[in-house]
Amino acid sequence: MNLPVIKLETRNLTKKFSATEGVADISLQVYEHELLTLLGPSGCGKTTTLRMISGFEYPTSGSVFIGERDVAKIPPNKRGISMVFQSYALFPHLNIWENVAYGLKVAKVSQDEVVRRTNAVMELMQLTGMERRFPNQLSGGQQQRIAIARALAMRPEVMLFDEPTSALDPEMVGEVLDVMKKLAADGMTMLVVTHEMGFAREAADRVIFIDGGRIVEDSEPEEFFAHPKNKRLQDFLSKML
């Protein structure tokens, strides 16, 4: 029997801010091709957890493994992880093609490979024909698709999403969620912080609820939403659904 491959694992991940703990003893596993969502109230530690995994924040203690590599102390660009933020984090002075290609050029990928990868992800994200336009000429949904294309161009082992639809107008949310569902269907390993309950229920393989910087529930979507065990989760869902 083949056991599932663990692509991402955190062990006892903790982040202290002055006298308080922002994240306390977070241990989780994300399996190959899995879409795992993190839910929880604002300020519970979801984003801090993602930032420690991605390398934009260093943990006070604990480990982050990508495969068998402990990457907790190495820079973000050396981890094999791409992160998509709430804000699109695009360069306003670069056109769309240049924004998507930027990370590849920083990584000193050959020019032929930059062109090949950039064009491929532009097509995948349905951005072909927009290459010479600038971010301020596009909708929020289109800009977030550019951010996803830029992340994909780096060929990450794992993609992280930090509330990727929170800055979008309601009519654009579905556009980005559909792209993420397609990535999941294509086998991308993904860890997603979201407030979109419908997306978590429909698209996720597993859902984790964080409260007070700790994991308090971890289960498959059907069990998570239909039969929540933790009282805090029950209260949370009663307000969100």
C-alpha atoms as a PDB file:
ATOM      1  CA  MET A   1       0.000   0.000   0.000  1.00  0.00           C
ATOM      2  CA  ASN A   2       1.396   3.390  -1.049  1.00  0.00           C
ATOM      3  CA  LEU A   3       1.248   5.974   1.729  1.00  0.00           C
ATOM      4  CA  PRO A   4       0.439   9.588   0.771  1.00  0.00           C
ATOM      5  CA  VAL A   5       3.471  11.788   0.205  1.00  0.00           C
ATOM      6  CA  ILE A   6       3.865  14.672   2.666  1.00  0.00           C
ATOM      7  CA  LYS A   7       4.802  17.794   0.689  1.00  0.00           C
ATOM      8  CA  LEU A   8       4.659  20.309   3.547  1.00  0.00           C
ATOM      9  CA  GLU A   9       4.888  19.799   7.288  1.00  0.00           C
ATOM     10  CA  THR A  10       5.165  22.143  10.251  1.00  0.00           C
ATOM     11  CA  ARG A  11       6.282  20.854  13.623  1.00  0.00           C
ATOM     12  CA  ASN A  12       5.496  22.803  16.796  1.00  0.00           C
ATOM     13  CA  LEU A  13       5.592  26.090  14.902  1.00  0.00           C
ATOM     14  CA  THR A  14       5.472  28.994  17.362  1.00  0.00           C
ATOM     15  CA  LYS A  15       5.729  32.774  16.963  1.00  0.00           C
ATOM     16  CA  LYS A  16       5.898  35.088  19.963  1.00  0.00           C
ATOM     17  CA  PHE A  17       5.310  38.822  19.679  1.00  0.00           C
ATOM     18  CA  SER A  18       6.781  40.541  22.764  1.00  0.00           C
ATOM     19  CA  ALA A  19       4.944  38.900  25.676  1.00  0.00           C
ATOM     20  CA  THR A  20       2.190  37.306  23.586  1.00  0.00           C
ATOM     21  CA  GLU A  21       2.090  34.238  21.346  1.00  0.00           C
ATOM     22  CA  GLY A  22       0.738  34.910  17.874  1.00  0.00           C
ATOM     23  CA  VAL A  23       0.968  31.224  16.956  1.00  0.00           C
ATOM     24  CA  ALA A  24       1.387  28.412  19.452  1.00  0.00           C
ATOM     25  CA  ASP A  25       2.633  24.930  18.616  1.00  0.00           C
ATOM     26  CA  ILE A  26       1.144  24.580  15.120  1.00  0.00           C
ATOM     27  CA  SER A  27       1.789  21.113  13.696  1.00  0.00           C
ATOM     28  CA  LEU A  28       0.164  20.255  10.366  1.00  0.00           C
ATOM     29  CA  GLN A  29       0.796  18.192   7.265  1.00  0.00           C
ATOM     30  CA  VAL A  30      -0.183  18.907   3.664  1.00  0.00           C
ATOM     31  CA  TYR A  31      -0.070  15.921   1.331  1.00  0.00           C
ATOM     32  CA  GLU A  32       0.901  15.874  -2.327  1.00  0.00           C
ATOM     33  CA  HIS A  33      -1.946  17.163  -4.559  1.00  0.00           C
ATOM     34  CA  GLU A  34      -3.980  18.155  -1.474  1.00  0.00           C
ATOM     35  CA  LEU A  35      -5.888  21.415  -1.082  1.00  0.00           C
ATOM     36  CA  LEU A  36      -5.923  22.262   2.619  1.00  0.00           C
ATOM     37  CA  THR A  37      -7.817  25.318   3.865  1.00  0.00           C
ATOM     38  CA  LEU A  38      -7.191  27.236   7.085  1.00  0.00           C
ATOM     39  CA  LEU A  39     -10.224  28.908   8.632  1.00  0.00           C
ATOM     40  CA  GLY A  40     -10.585  30.999  11.760  1.00  0.00           C
ATOM     41  CA  PRO A  41     -11.506  34.431  13.102  1.00  0.00           C
ATOM     42  CA  SER A  42      -9.438  37.507  12.270  1.00  0.00           C
ATOM     43  CA  GLY A  43      -6.279  37.688  14.348  1.00  0.00           C
ATOM     44  CA  CYS A  44      -6.219  33.976  15.159  1.00  0.00           C
ATOM     45  CA  GLY A  45      -2.809  33.343  13.588  1.00  0.00           C
ATOM     46  CA  LYS A  46      -3.683  32.062  10.100  1.00  0.00           C
ATOM     47  CA  THR A  47      -1.652  34.636   8.189  1.00  0.00           C
ATOM     48  CA  THR A  48       1.256  34.439  10.631  1.00  0.00           C
ATOM     49  CA  THR A  49       1.353  30.683  10.061  1.00  0.00           C
ATOM     50  CA  LEU A  50       1.468  31.179   6.287  1.00  0.00           C
ATOM     51  CA  ARG A  51       4.172  33.836   6.582  1.00  0.00           C
ATOM     52  CA  MET A  52       6.354  31.493   8.644  1.00  0.00           C
ATOM     53  CA  ILE A  53       5.867  28.682   6.133  1.00  0.00           C
ATOM     54  CA  SER A  54       6.709  30.984   3.221  1.00  0.00           C
ATOM     55  CA  GLY A  55       9.726  32.540   4.952  1.00  0.00           C
ATOM     56  CA  PHE A  56       8.451  36.108   5.241  1.00  0.00           C
ATOM     57  CA  GLU A  57       8.389  35.623   9.014  1.00  0.00           C
ATOM     58  CA  TYR A  58      10.816  33.509  11.027  1.00  0.00           C
ATOM     59  CA  PRO A  59       9.389  31.324  13.814  1.00  0.00           C
ATOM     60  CA  THR A  60      10.402  31.742  17.440  1.00  0.00           C
ATOM     61  CA  SER A  61      10.649  27.959  17.513  1.00  0.00           C
ATOM     62  CA  GLY A  62       9.593  24.947  15.482  1.00  0.00           C
ATOM     63  CA  SER A  63      10.325  23.590  12.013  1.00  0.00           C
ATOM     64  CA  VAL A  64       8.982  23.852   8.469  1.00  0.00           C
ATOM     65  CA  PHE A  65       9.653  20.919   6.147  1.00  0.00           C
ATOM     66  CA  ILE A  66       9.239  20.847   2.380  1.00  0.00           C
ATOM     67  CA  GLY A  67       9.603  17.177   1.657  1.00  0.00           C
ATOM     68  CA  GLU A  68      12.502  16.184   3.874  1.00  0.00           C
ATOM     69  CA  ARG A  69      14.146  19.639   3.941  1.00  0.00           C
ATOM     70  CA  ASP A  70      13.851  21.813   7.056  1.00  0.00           C
ATOM     71  CA  VAL A  71      13.481  25.255   5.470  1.00  0.00           C
ATOM     72  CA  ALA A  72      12.551  27.297   8.567  1.00  0.00           C
ATOM     73  CA  LYS A  73      15.783  29.293   8.506  1.00  0.00           C
ATOM     74  CA  ILE A  74      16.367  29.716   4.777  1.00  0.00           C
ATOM     75  CA  PRO A  75      15.156  32.639   2.575  1.00  0.00           C
ATOM     76  CA  PRO A  76      11.733  32.546   0.877  1.00  0.00           C
ATOM     77  CA  ASN A  77      13.140  32.199  -2.645  1.00  0.00           C
ATOM     78  CA  LYS A  78      15.032  29.027  -1.696  1.00  0.00           C
ATOM     79  CA  ARG A  79      12.070  27.088  -0.275  1.00  0.00           C
ATOM     80  CA  GLY A  80      10.233  25.840  -3.346  1.00  0.00           C
ATOM     81  CA  ILE A  81       7.112  27.684  -2.187  1.00  0.00           C
ATOM     82  CA  SER A  82       5.127  30.449  -3.911  1.00  0.00           C
ATOM     83  CA  MET A  83       2.720  32.700  -2.035  1.00  0.00           C
ATOM     84  CA  VAL A  84      -0.238  34.700  -3.355  1.00  0.00           C
ATOM     85  CA  PHE A  85      -1.195  37.626  -1.117  1.00  0.00           C
ATOM     86  CA  GLN A  86      -4.417  39.449  -0.289  1.00  0.00           C
ATOM     87  CA  SER A  87      -3.127  42.489  -2.178  1.00  0.00           C
ATOM     88  CA  TYR A  88      -1.869  41.607  -5.619  1.00  0.00           C
ATOM     89  CA  ALA A  89       1.694  42.907  -4.932  1.00  0.00           C
ATOM     90  CA  LEU A  90       2.226  43.716  -8.618  1.00  0.00           C
ATOM     91  CA  PHE A  91       4.787  46.213  -9.881  1.00  0.00           C
ATOM     92  CA  PRO A  92       2.788  49.158 -11.320  1.00  0.00           C
ATOM     93  CA  HIS A  93       5.646  50.258 -13.626  1.00  0.00           C
ATOM     94  CA  LEU A  94       5.935  46.819 -15.271  1.00  0.00           C
ATOM     95  CA  ASN A  95       3.508  45.479 -17.840  1.00  0.00           C
ATOM     96  CA  ILE A  96       1.676  42.215 -17.273  1.00  0.00           C
ATOM     97  CA  TRP A  97       4.227  40.022 -19.048  1.00  0.00           C
ATOM     98  CA  GLU A  98       7.091  41.644 -17.132  1.00  0.00           C
ATOM     99  CA  ASN A  99       5.280  41.167 -13.816  1.00  0.00           C
ATOM    100  CA  VAL A 100       4.816  37.454 -14.460  1.00  0.00           C
ATOM    101  CA  ALA A 101       8.427  37.046 -15.618  1.00  0.00           C
ATOM    102  CA  TYR A 102       9.948  39.063 -12.764  1.00  0.00           C
ATOM    103  CA  GLY A 103      10.646  36.222 -10.312  1.00  0.00           C
ATOM    104  CA  LEU A 104      12.207  34.067 -13.032  1.00  0.00           C
ATOM    105  CA  LYS A 105      14.607  36.854 -13.972  1.00  0.00           C
ATOM    106  CA  VAL A 106      15.575  37.391 -10.324  1.00  0.00           C
ATOM    107  CA  ALA A 107      16.242  33.629 -10.120  1.00  0.00           C
ATOM    108  CA  LYS A 108      18.519  33.994 -13.169  1.00  0.00           C
ATOM    109  CA  VAL A 109      16.544  31.543 -15.302  1.00  0.00           C
ATOM    110  CA  SER A 110      17.727  31.568 -18.928  1.00  0.00           C
ATOM    111  CA  GLN A 111      15.927  34.021 -21.220  1.00  0.00           C
ATOM    112  CA  ASP A 112      14.510  31.239 -23.402  1.00  0.00           C
ATOM    113  CA  GLU A 113      13.083  29.538 -20.313  1.00  0.00           C
ATOM    114  CA  VAL A 114      11.692  32.840 -18.994  1.00  0.00           C
ATOM    115  CA  VAL A 115       9.815  33.344 -22.261  1.00  0.00           C
ATOM    116  CA  ARG A 116       8.573  29.762 -22.381  1.00  0.00           C
ATOM    117  CA  ARG A 117       7.336  29.627 -18.797  1.00  0.00           C
ATOM    118  CA  THR A 118       5.840  33.120 -18.805  1.00  0.00           C
ATOM    119  CA  ASN A 119       3.880  32.528 -22.003  1.00  0.00           C
ATOM    120  CA  ALA A 120       2.675  29.150 -20.721  1.00  0.00           C
ATOM    121  CA  VAL A 121       1.273  30.465 -17.441  1.00  0.00           C
ATOM    122  CA  MET A 122      -0.194  33.526 -19.168  1.00  0.00           C
ATOM    123  CA  GLU A 123      -2.155  31.164 -21.391  1.00  0.00           C
ATOM    124  CA  LEU A 124      -3.140  28.969 -18.450  1.00  0.00           C
ATOM    125  CA  MET A 125      -4.485  31.995 -16.540  1.00  0.00           C
ATOM    126  CA  GLN A 126      -6.307  33.261 -19.663  1.00  0.00           C
ATOM    127  CA  LEU A 127      -4.181  36.408 -19.807  1.00  0.00           C
ATOM    128  CA  THR A 128      -2.972  36.006 -23.389  1.00  0.00           C
ATOM    129  CA  GLY A 129      -3.433  39.264 -25.274  1.00  0.00           C
ATOM    130  CA  MET A 130      -2.943  41.406 -22.168  1.00  0.00           C
ATOM    131  CA  GLU A 131       0.865  41.205 -22.146  1.00  0.00           C
ATOM    132  CA  ARG A 132       1.514  44.910 -22.768  1.00  0.00           C
ATOM    133  CA  ARG A 133      -1.150  46.264 -20.476  1.00  0.00           C
ATOM    134  CA  PHE A 134      -0.351  47.563 -17.005  1.00  0.00           C
ATOM    135  CA  PRO A 135      -1.889  46.490 -13.684  1.00  0.00           C
ATOM    136  CA  ASN A 136      -3.939  49.668 -13.252  1.00  0.00           C
ATOM    137  CA  GLN A 137      -5.677  48.944 -16.569  1.00  0.00           C
ATOM    138  CA  LEU A 138      -7.100  45.630 -15.324  1.00  0.00           C
ATOM    139  CA  SER A 139      -9.816  44.505 -12.923  1.00  0.00           C
ATOM    140  CA  GLY A 140      -9.025  43.169  -9.464  1.00  0.00           C
ATOM    141  CA  GLY A 141      -9.800  39.638 -10.581  1.00  0.00           C
ATOM    142  CA  GLN A 142      -7.438  39.942 -13.531  1.00  0.00           C
ATOM    143  CA  GLN A 143      -4.691  41.366 -11.314  1.00  0.00           C
ATOM    144  CA  GLN A 144      -5.025  38.465  -8.893  1.00  0.00           C
ATOM    145  CA  ARG A 145      -4.783  36.049 -11.813  1.00  0.00           C
ATOM    146  CA  ILE A 146      -1.522  37.774 -12.761  1.00  0.00           C
ATOM    147  CA  ALA A 147      -0.256  37.252  -9.200  1.00  0.00           C
ATOM    148  CA  ILE A 148      -1.175  33.557  -9.434  1.00  0.00           C
ATOM    149  CA  ALA A 149       0.525  33.282 -12.839  1.00  0.00           C
ATOM    150  CA  ARG A 150       3.698  34.838 -11.404  1.00  0.00           C
ATOM    151  CA  ALA A 151       3.654  32.335  -8.545  1.00  0.00           C
ATOM    152  CA  LEU A 152       3.058  29.392 -10.892  1.00  0.00           C
ATOM    153  CA  ALA A 153       5.904  30.421 -13.184  1.00  0.00           C
ATOM    154  CA  MET A 154       8.344  29.566 -10.383  1.00  0.00           C
ATOM    155  CA  ARG A 155       7.139  25.928 -10.489  1.00  0.00           C
ATOM    156  CA  PRO A 156       6.645  25.676  -6.732  1.00  0.00           C
ATOM    157  CA  GLU A 157       6.263  22.422  -4.863  1.00  0.00           C
ATOM    158  CA  VAL A 158       3.547  24.058  -2.750  1.00  0.00           C
ATOM    159  CA  MET A 159       1.418  27.172  -3.300  1.00  0.00           C
ATOM    160  CA  LEU A 160       0.181  29.290  -0.401  1.00  0.00           C
ATOM    161  CA  PHE A 161      -2.799  31.641  -0.683  1.00  0.00           C
ATOM    162  CA  ASP A 162      -3.515  34.278   1.973  1.00  0.00           C
ATOM    163  CA  GLU A 163      -7.185  35.262   1.579  1.00  0.00           C
ATOM    164  CA  PRO A 164      -6.731  35.759  -2.181  1.00  0.00           C
ATOM    165  CA  THR A 165     -10.280  37.068  -2.718  1.00  0.00           C
ATOM    166  CA  SER A 166     -10.578  39.435   0.263  1.00  0.00           C
ATOM    167  CA  ALA A 167      -9.621  42.548  -1.756  1.00  0.00           C
ATOM    168  CA  LEU A 168     -11.947  41.729  -4.656  1.00  0.00           C
ATOM    169  CA  ASP A 169     -15.377  43.056  -5.485  1.00  0.00           C
ATOM    170  CA  PRO A 170     -17.993  40.322  -4.924  1.00  0.00           C
ATOM    171  CA  GLU A 171     -18.566  39.693  -8.636  1.00  0.00           C
ATOM    172  CA  MET A 172     -14.854  38.998  -9.135  1.00  0.00           C
ATOM    173  CA  VAL A 173     -14.482  36.482  -6.295  1.00  0.00           C
ATOM    174  CA  GLY A 174     -15.815  33.557  -8.331  1.00  0.00           C
ATOM    175  CA  GLU A 175     -13.354  34.290 -11.151  1.00  0.00           C
ATOM    176  CA  VAL A 176     -10.345  33.757  -8.865  1.00  0.00           C
ATOM    177  CA  LEU A 177     -11.857  30.812  -6.978  1.00  0.00           C
ATOM    178  CA  ASP A 178     -12.495  29.050 -10.297  1.00  0.00           C
ATOM    179  CA  VAL A 179      -8.798  29.435 -11.166  1.00  0.00           C
ATOM    180  CA  MET A 180      -7.839  27.927  -7.801  1.00  0.00           C
ATOM    181  CA  LYS A 181     -10.231  25.014  -8.313  1.00  0.00           C
ATOM    182  CA  LYS A 182      -8.614  24.334 -11.687  1.00  0.00           C
ATOM    183  CA  LEU A 183      -5.162  24.334 -10.077  1.00  0.00           C
ATOM    184  CA  ALA A 184      -6.423  21.866  -7.481  1.00  0.00           C
ATOM    185  CA  ALA A 185      -7.917  19.649 -10.190  1.00  0.00           C
ATOM    186  CA  ASP A 186      -4.557  19.719 -12.000  1.00  0.00           C
ATOM    187  CA  GLY A 187      -2.842  18.406  -8.848  1.00  0.00           C
ATOM    188  CA  MET A 188      -1.197  21.502  -7.364  1.00  0.00           C
ATOM    189  CA  THR A 189      -0.497  21.141  -3.634  1.00  0.00           C
ATOM    190  CA  MET A 190      -2.124  24.157  -1.956  1.00  0.00           C
ATOM    191  CA  LEU A 191      -2.557  25.657   1.505  1.00  0.00           C
ATOM    192  CA  VAL A 192      -5.237  28.341   1.491  1.00  0.00           C
ATOM    193  CA  VAL A 193      -6.285  30.829   4.162  1.00  0.00           C
ATOM    194  CA  THR A 194      -9.814  31.909   3.298  1.00  0.00           C
ATOM    195  CA  HIS A 195     -13.104  33.245   4.609  1.00  0.00           C
ATOM    196  CA  GLU A 196     -14.973  31.719   1.660  1.00  0.00           C
ATOM    197  CA  MET A 197     -16.910  28.946   3.365  1.00  0.00           C
ATOM    198  CA  GLY A 198     -18.418  27.662   0.117  1.00  0.00           C
ATOM    199  CA  PHE A 199     -14.975  27.276  -1.446  1.00  0.00           C
ATOM    200  CA  ALA A 200     -13.640  25.422   1.609  1.00  0.00           C
ATOM    201  CA  ARG A 201     -16.631  23.092   1.635  1.00  0.00           C
ATOM    202  CA  GLU A 202     -16.617  22.402  -2.107  1.00  0.00           C
ATOM    203  CA  ALA A 203     -12.941  22.448  -3.114  1.00  0.00           C
ATOM    204  CA  ALA A 204     -10.877  21.518  -0.051  1.00  0.00           C
ATOM    205  CA  ASP A 205      -9.698  18.013   0.723  1.00  0.00           C
ATOM    206  CA  ARG A 206      -9.306  18.967   4.380  1.00  0.00           C
ATOM    207  CA  VAL A 207     -10.183  21.943   6.575  1.00  0.00           C
ATOM    208  CA  ILE A 208      -8.335  23.180   9.670  1.00  0.00           C
ATOM    209  CA  PHE A 209      -9.802  25.637  12.175  1.00  0.00           C
ATOM    210  CA  ILE A 210      -7.384  27.848  14.104  1.00  0.00           C
ATOM    211  CA  ASP A 211      -8.374  29.833  17.181  1.00  0.00           C
ATOM    212  CA  GLY A 212      -6.087  31.719  19.526  1.00  0.00           C
ATOM    213  CA  GLY A 213      -3.039  30.667  17.547  1.00  0.00           C
ATOM    214  CA  ARG A 214      -3.765  26.937  17.931  1.00  0.00           C
ATOM    215  CA  ILE A 215      -5.318  24.225  15.773  1.00  0.00           C
ATOM    216  CA  VAL A 216      -8.576  23.194  17.417  1.00  0.00           C
ATOM    217  CA  GLU A 217     -10.157  21.108  14.631  1.00  0.00           C
ATOM    218  CA  ASP A 218      -8.884  19.249  11.567  1.00  0.00           C
ATOM    219  CA  SER A 219     -11.215  17.160   9.413  1.00  0.00           C
ATOM    220  CA  GLU A 220     -12.641  16.569   5.952  1.00  0.00           C
ATOM    221  CA  PRO A 221     -15.116  19.235   4.746  1.00  0.00           C
ATOM    222  CA  GLU A 222     -18.281  17.186   5.172  1.00  0.00           C
ATOM    223  CA  GLU A 223     -17.460  16.355   8.782  1.00  0.00           C
ATOM    224  CA  PHE A 224     -16.068  19.824   9.482  1.00  0.00           C
ATOM    225  CA  PHE A 225     -19.186  21.701   8.398  1.00  0.00           C
ATOM    226  CA  ALA A 226     -21.911  19.173   9.236  1.00  0.00           C
ATOM    227  CA  HIS A 227     -20.596  17.866  12.566  1.00  0.00           C
ATOM    228  CA  PRO A 228     -18.169  20.354  14.158  1.00  0.00           C
ATOM    229  CA  LYS A 229     -16.909  19.015  17.474  1.00  0.00           C
ATOM    230  CA  ASN A 230     -15.253  22.079  18.973  1.00  0.00           C
ATOM    231  CA  LYS A 231     -17.567  24.609  20.650  1.00  0.00           C
ATOM    232  CA  ARG A 232     -15.570  27.568  19.326  1.00  0.00           C
ATOM    233  CA  LEU A 233     -15.873  26.191  15.790  1.00  0.00           C
ATOM    234  CA  GLN A 234     -19.602  25.677  16.260  1.00  0.00           C
ATOM    235  CA  ASP A 235     -19.964  29.338  17.255  1.00  0.00           C
ATOM    236  CA  PHE A 236     -17.789  30.456  14.338  1.00  0.00           C
ATOM    237  CA  LEU A 237     -19.790  28.505  11.760  1.00  0.00           C
ATOM    238  CA  SER A 238     -23.112  29.702  13.178  1.00  0.00           C
ATOM    239  CA  LYS A 239     -22.021  33.272  12.355  1.00  0.00           C
ATOM    240  CA  MET A 240     -20.417  32.517   8.969  1.00  0.00           C
ATOM    241  CA  LEU A 241     -22.973  30.196   7.369  1.00  0.00           C
END
